[in-house]
Amino acid sequence: LDLVRTLSREMRNKRVALAAEHSVLAAFGAGAAAVTGDDPVEWLVDPSTGCSADCEANRLAGPTRLGSFAGPSNYPPAFAGCRCLLRQVGR
């Protein structure tokens, strides 16, 4: 029973940490998207983890305007677990 409680607590703590991390990245992505104006942005993929095919396509597209990215998301994170970021080009 103690093992089950310990495992349950570890899983719950991990889920909370992942949800918090995703929320911070989503807020950062929304903020980055909000301040770009008409400046082009680059989609940056975390080189240590990689990402999805859509994220890789966005990275390969190079500098572009918001709204021109592949997939359903206009800015990162594109999905839970995505660690991509936007970088404003030209400033």
N, C-alpha and C. Protein backbone atom coordinates (compact mmCIF):
# COMPACT_ATOMS: atom_id res chain seq x y z
N LEU A 1 0.83 -1.20 0.00
CA LEU A 1 0.00 0.00 0.00
C LEU A 1 0.87 1.26 0.00
N ASP A 2 1.96 1.23 0.75
CA ASP A 2 2.86 2.38 0.77
C ASP A 2 3.48 2.63 -0.61
N LEU A 3 3.81 1.56 -1.29
CA LEU A 3 4.37 1.69 -2.63
C LEU A 3 3.37 2.33 -3.58
N VAL A 4 2.12 1.92 -3.48
CA VAL A 4 1.07 2.49 -4.33
C VAL A 4 0.91 3.98 -4.04
N ARG A 5 0.90 4.35 -2.78
CA ARG A 5 0.79 5.77 -2.41
C ARG A 5 1.98 6.57 -2.94
N THR A 6 3.16 6.01 -2.80
CA THR A 6 4.36 6.69 -3.27
C THR A 6 4.32 6.89 -4.78
N LEU A 7 3.96 5.85 -5.50
CA LEU A 7 3.87 5.95 -6.96
C LEU A 7 2.80 6.95 -7.39
N SER A 8 1.67 6.93 -6.69
CA SER A 8 0.59 7.86 -7.01
C SER A 8 1.05 9.30 -6.78
N ARG A 9 1.72 9.56 -5.68
CA ARG A 9 2.21 10.89 -5.37
C ARG A 9 3.23 11.35 -6.41
N GLU A 10 4.13 10.47 -6.81
CA GLU A 10 5.14 10.82 -7.82
C GLU A 10 4.49 11.15 -9.16
N MET A 11 3.50 10.36 -9.56
CA MET A 11 2.80 10.62 -10.82
C MET A 11 2.07 11.96 -10.77
N ARG A 12 1.39 12.22 -9.66
CA ARG A 12 0.64 13.47 -9.52
C ARG A 12 1.60 14.66 -9.57
N ASN A 13 2.71 14.57 -8.88
CA ASN A 13 3.68 15.66 -8.88
C ASN A 13 4.27 15.88 -10.27
N LYS A 14 4.53 14.81 -10.99
CA LYS A 14 5.08 14.94 -12.35
C LYS A 14 4.06 15.60 -13.28
N ARG A 15 2.80 15.21 -13.17
CA ARG A 15 1.76 15.80 -14.02
C ARG A 15 1.61 17.29 -13.72
N VAL A 16 1.66 17.66 -12.45
CA VAL A 16 1.54 19.07 -12.08
C VAL A 16 2.72 19.85 -12.66
N ALA A 17 3.91 19.29 -12.56
CA ALA A 17 5.10 19.97 -13.09
C ALA A 17 4.99 20.13 -14.60
N LEU A 18 4.55 19.10 -15.30
CA LEU A 18 4.40 19.19 -16.76
C LEU A 18 3.34 20.21 -17.15
N ALA A 19 2.23 20.24 -16.41
CA ALA A 19 1.17 21.20 -16.70
C ALA A 19 1.66 22.62 -16.45
N ALA A 20 2.41 22.82 -15.38
CA ALA A 20 2.95 24.15 -15.08
C ALA A 20 3.94 24.59 -16.16
N GLU A 21 4.80 23.68 -16.58
CA GLU A 21 5.77 24.00 -17.63
C GLU A 21 5.06 24.37 -18.92
N HIS A 22 4.04 23.61 -19.30
CA HIS A 22 3.30 23.90 -20.52
C HIS A 22 2.61 25.28 -20.41
N SER A 23 2.07 25.58 -19.24
CA SER A 23 1.39 26.87 -19.06
C SER A 23 2.35 28.04 -19.21
N VAL A 24 3.55 27.90 -18.67
CA VAL A 24 4.55 28.96 -18.80
C VAL A 24 4.96 29.13 -20.26
N LEU A 25 5.20 28.01 -20.96
CA LEU A 25 5.57 28.10 -22.37
C LEU A 25 4.44 28.67 -23.21
N ALA A 26 3.20 28.33 -22.89
CA ALA A 26 2.06 28.87 -23.63
C ALA A 26 1.94 30.38 -23.41
N ALA A 27 2.14 30.83 -22.17
CA ALA A 27 2.08 32.26 -21.89
C ALA A 27 3.21 33.00 -22.60
N PHE A 28 4.40 32.41 -22.59
CA PHE A 28 5.52 33.03 -23.30
C PHE A 28 5.25 33.11 -24.79
N GLY A 29 4.72 32.02 -25.37
CA GLY A 29 4.40 32.01 -26.80
C GLY A 29 3.34 33.03 -27.16
N ALA A 30 2.31 33.15 -26.33
CA ALA A 30 1.25 34.13 -26.60
C ALA A 30 1.80 35.55 -26.49
N GLY A 31 2.66 35.79 -25.51
CA GLY A 31 3.28 37.10 -25.36
C GLY A 31 4.19 37.44 -26.52
N ALA A 32 4.98 36.47 -26.93
CA ALA A 32 5.88 36.69 -28.08
C ALA A 32 5.08 36.98 -29.33
N ALA A 33 3.99 36.26 -29.53
CA ALA A 33 3.16 36.48 -30.70
C ALA A 33 2.49 37.85 -30.66
N ALA A 34 2.12 38.29 -29.46
CA ALA A 34 1.41 39.56 -29.32
C ALA A 34 2.30 40.77 -29.63
N VAL A 35 3.59 40.66 -29.39
CA VAL A 35 4.46 41.83 -29.57
C VAL A 35 5.17 41.86 -30.91
N THR A 36 4.96 40.87 -31.75
CA THR A 36 5.69 40.84 -33.02
C THR A 36 5.21 41.86 -34.03
N GLY A 37 3.96 42.26 -33.94
CA GLY A 37 3.43 43.19 -34.94
C GLY A 37 3.53 42.56 -36.32
N ASP A 38 4.10 43.29 -37.27
CA ASP A 38 4.28 42.77 -38.63
C ASP A 38 5.67 42.20 -38.85
N ASP A 39 6.49 42.20 -37.81
CA ASP A 39 7.84 41.65 -37.96
C ASP A 39 7.80 40.15 -38.17
N PRO A 40 8.67 39.64 -39.02
CA PRO A 40 8.73 38.19 -39.20
C PRO A 40 9.29 37.52 -37.94
N VAL A 41 8.93 36.28 -37.76
CA VAL A 41 9.40 35.48 -36.63
C VAL A 41 9.95 34.16 -37.14
N GLU A 42 10.82 33.57 -36.35
CA GLU A 42 11.33 32.23 -36.63
C GLU A 42 10.82 31.29 -35.56
N TRP A 43 10.47 30.09 -35.97
CA TRP A 43 10.04 29.03 -35.08
C TRP A 43 11.29 28.26 -34.69
N LEU A 44 11.62 28.26 -33.42
CA LEU A 44 12.82 27.57 -32.93
C LEU A 44 12.44 26.26 -32.26
N VAL A 45 13.07 25.19 -32.69
CA VAL A 45 12.85 23.85 -32.12
C VAL A 45 13.96 23.56 -31.13
N ASP A 46 13.62 23.02 -29.98
CA ASP A 46 14.61 22.65 -28.97
C ASP A 46 15.51 21.56 -29.56
N PRO A 47 16.80 21.85 -29.77
CA PRO A 47 17.68 20.86 -30.41
C PRO A 47 17.93 19.62 -29.57
N SER A 48 17.70 19.72 -28.27
CA SER A 48 17.96 18.55 -27.43
C SER A 48 16.81 17.54 -27.44
N THR A 49 15.60 17.99 -27.79
CA THR A 49 14.45 17.09 -27.77
C THR A 49 13.80 16.89 -29.13
N GLY A 50 14.01 17.82 -30.07
CA GLY A 50 13.30 17.73 -31.34
C GLY A 50 11.83 18.05 -31.11
N CYS A 51 11.01 17.77 -32.11
CA CYS A 51 9.58 18.05 -31.97
C CYS A 51 8.80 17.32 -33.05
N SER A 52 7.61 17.80 -33.33
CA SER A 52 6.73 17.15 -34.30
C SER A 52 7.10 17.54 -35.73
N ALA A 53 6.47 16.88 -36.67
CA ALA A 53 6.70 17.18 -38.09
C ALA A 53 6.26 18.61 -38.42
N ASP A 54 5.13 19.05 -37.85
CA ASP A 54 4.67 20.43 -38.07
C ASP A 54 5.68 21.43 -37.54
N CYS A 55 6.21 21.17 -36.35
CA CYS A 55 7.19 22.08 -35.76
C CYS A 55 8.46 22.13 -36.62
N GLU A 56 8.88 20.99 -37.11
CA GLU A 56 10.07 20.95 -37.96
C GLU A 56 9.82 21.70 -39.27
N ALA A 57 8.62 21.56 -39.84
CA ALA A 57 8.27 22.30 -41.05
C ALA A 57 8.28 23.81 -40.78
N ASN A 58 7.78 24.21 -39.61
CA ASN A 58 7.79 25.62 -39.25
C ASN A 58 9.22 26.13 -39.12
N ARG A 59 10.10 25.33 -38.54
CA ARG A 59 11.50 25.73 -38.40
C ARG A 59 12.15 25.89 -39.76
N LEU A 60 11.90 24.94 -40.64
CA LEU A 60 12.50 24.97 -41.98
C LEU A 60 11.96 26.10 -42.84
N ALA A 61 10.80 26.61 -42.52
CA ALA A 61 10.20 27.71 -43.29
C ALA A 61 11.01 29.00 -43.15
N GLY A 62 11.80 29.10 -42.08
CA GLY A 62 12.58 30.31 -41.86
C GLY A 62 11.71 31.46 -41.41
N PRO A 63 12.23 32.69 -41.49
CA PRO A 63 11.46 33.85 -41.04
C PRO A 63 10.17 33.99 -41.82
N THR A 64 9.08 34.16 -41.13
CA THR A 64 7.77 34.30 -41.75
C THR A 64 6.86 35.12 -40.82
N ARG A 65 5.75 35.52 -41.32
CA ARG A 65 4.76 36.26 -40.52
C ARG A 65 3.88 35.26 -39.76
N LEU A 66 3.37 35.71 -38.63
CA LEU A 66 2.44 34.87 -37.88
C LEU A 66 1.24 34.52 -38.77
N GLY A 67 0.73 33.36 -38.63
CA GLY A 67 -0.41 32.91 -39.42
C GLY A 67 0.00 32.08 -40.62
N SER A 68 1.29 31.97 -40.87
CA SER A 68 1.78 31.21 -42.03
C SER A 68 2.40 29.88 -41.65
N PHE A 69 2.26 29.49 -40.41
CA PHE A 69 2.90 28.26 -39.95
C PHE A 69 2.05 27.03 -40.24
N ALA A 70 2.74 25.89 -40.38
CA ALA A 70 2.05 24.62 -40.59
C ALA A 70 1.36 24.20 -39.30
N GLY A 71 0.32 23.41 -39.43
CA GLY A 71 -0.35 22.88 -38.25
C GLY A 71 -1.38 23.83 -37.69
N PRO A 72 -2.02 23.42 -36.63
CA PRO A 72 -3.14 24.17 -36.07
C PRO A 72 -2.73 25.35 -35.19
N SER A 73 -1.47 25.43 -34.81
CA SER A 73 -1.06 26.47 -33.87
C SER A 73 -0.33 27.60 -34.57
N ASN A 74 -0.67 28.83 -34.20
CA ASN A 74 -0.03 30.01 -34.76
C ASN A 74 1.28 30.33 -34.06
N TYR A 75 1.46 29.81 -32.86
CA TYR A 75 2.68 30.03 -32.10
C TYR A 75 2.87 28.86 -31.13
N PRO A 76 4.12 28.65 -30.72
CA PRO A 76 4.39 27.54 -29.80
C PRO A 76 3.88 27.86 -28.39
N PRO A 77 3.64 26.84 -27.62
CA PRO A 77 3.82 25.42 -27.92
C PRO A 77 2.65 24.90 -28.75
N ALA A 78 2.97 24.07 -29.72
CA ALA A 78 1.96 23.55 -30.64
C ALA A 78 1.12 22.45 -30.00
N PHE A 79 1.63 21.83 -28.96
CA PHE A 79 0.93 20.74 -28.27
C PHE A 79 1.58 20.55 -26.92
N ALA A 80 0.95 19.81 -26.03
CA ALA A 80 1.53 19.53 -24.72
C ALA A 80 2.84 18.78 -24.91
N GLY A 81 3.88 19.28 -24.30
CA GLY A 81 5.19 18.67 -24.44
C GLY A 81 6.08 19.36 -25.46
N CYS A 82 5.51 20.22 -26.27
CA CYS A 82 6.28 20.99 -27.25
C CYS A 82 7.14 22.02 -26.50
N ARG A 83 8.40 22.11 -26.86
CA ARG A 83 9.32 23.04 -26.21
C ARG A 83 9.85 24.09 -27.19
N CYS A 84 9.12 24.31 -28.27
CA CYS A 84 9.52 25.29 -29.27
C CYS A 84 9.28 26.71 -28.76
N LEU A 85 9.97 27.67 -29.39
CA LEU A 85 9.81 29.08 -29.07
C LEU A 85 9.78 29.89 -30.36
N LEU A 86 9.27 31.12 -30.27
CA LEU A 86 9.34 32.07 -31.37
C LEU A 86 10.47 33.05 -31.11
N ARG A 87 11.13 33.45 -32.19
CA ARG A 87 12.15 34.50 -32.10
C ARG A 87 11.81 35.55 -33.13
N GLN A 88 11.70 36.77 -32.67
CA GLN A 88 11.39 37.88 -33.57
C GLN A 88 12.63 38.20 -34.40
N VAL A 89 12.44 38.36 -35.69
CA VAL A 89 13.54 38.66 -36.60
C VAL A 89 13.49 40.13 -36.95
N GLY A 90 14.64 40.77 -37.02
CA GLY A 90 14.68 42.15 -37.47
C GLY A 90 14.74 43.19 -36.38
N ARG A 91 14.78 42.76 -35.13
CA ARG A 91 14.91 43.75 -34.05
C ARG A 91 16.12 43.47 -33.25
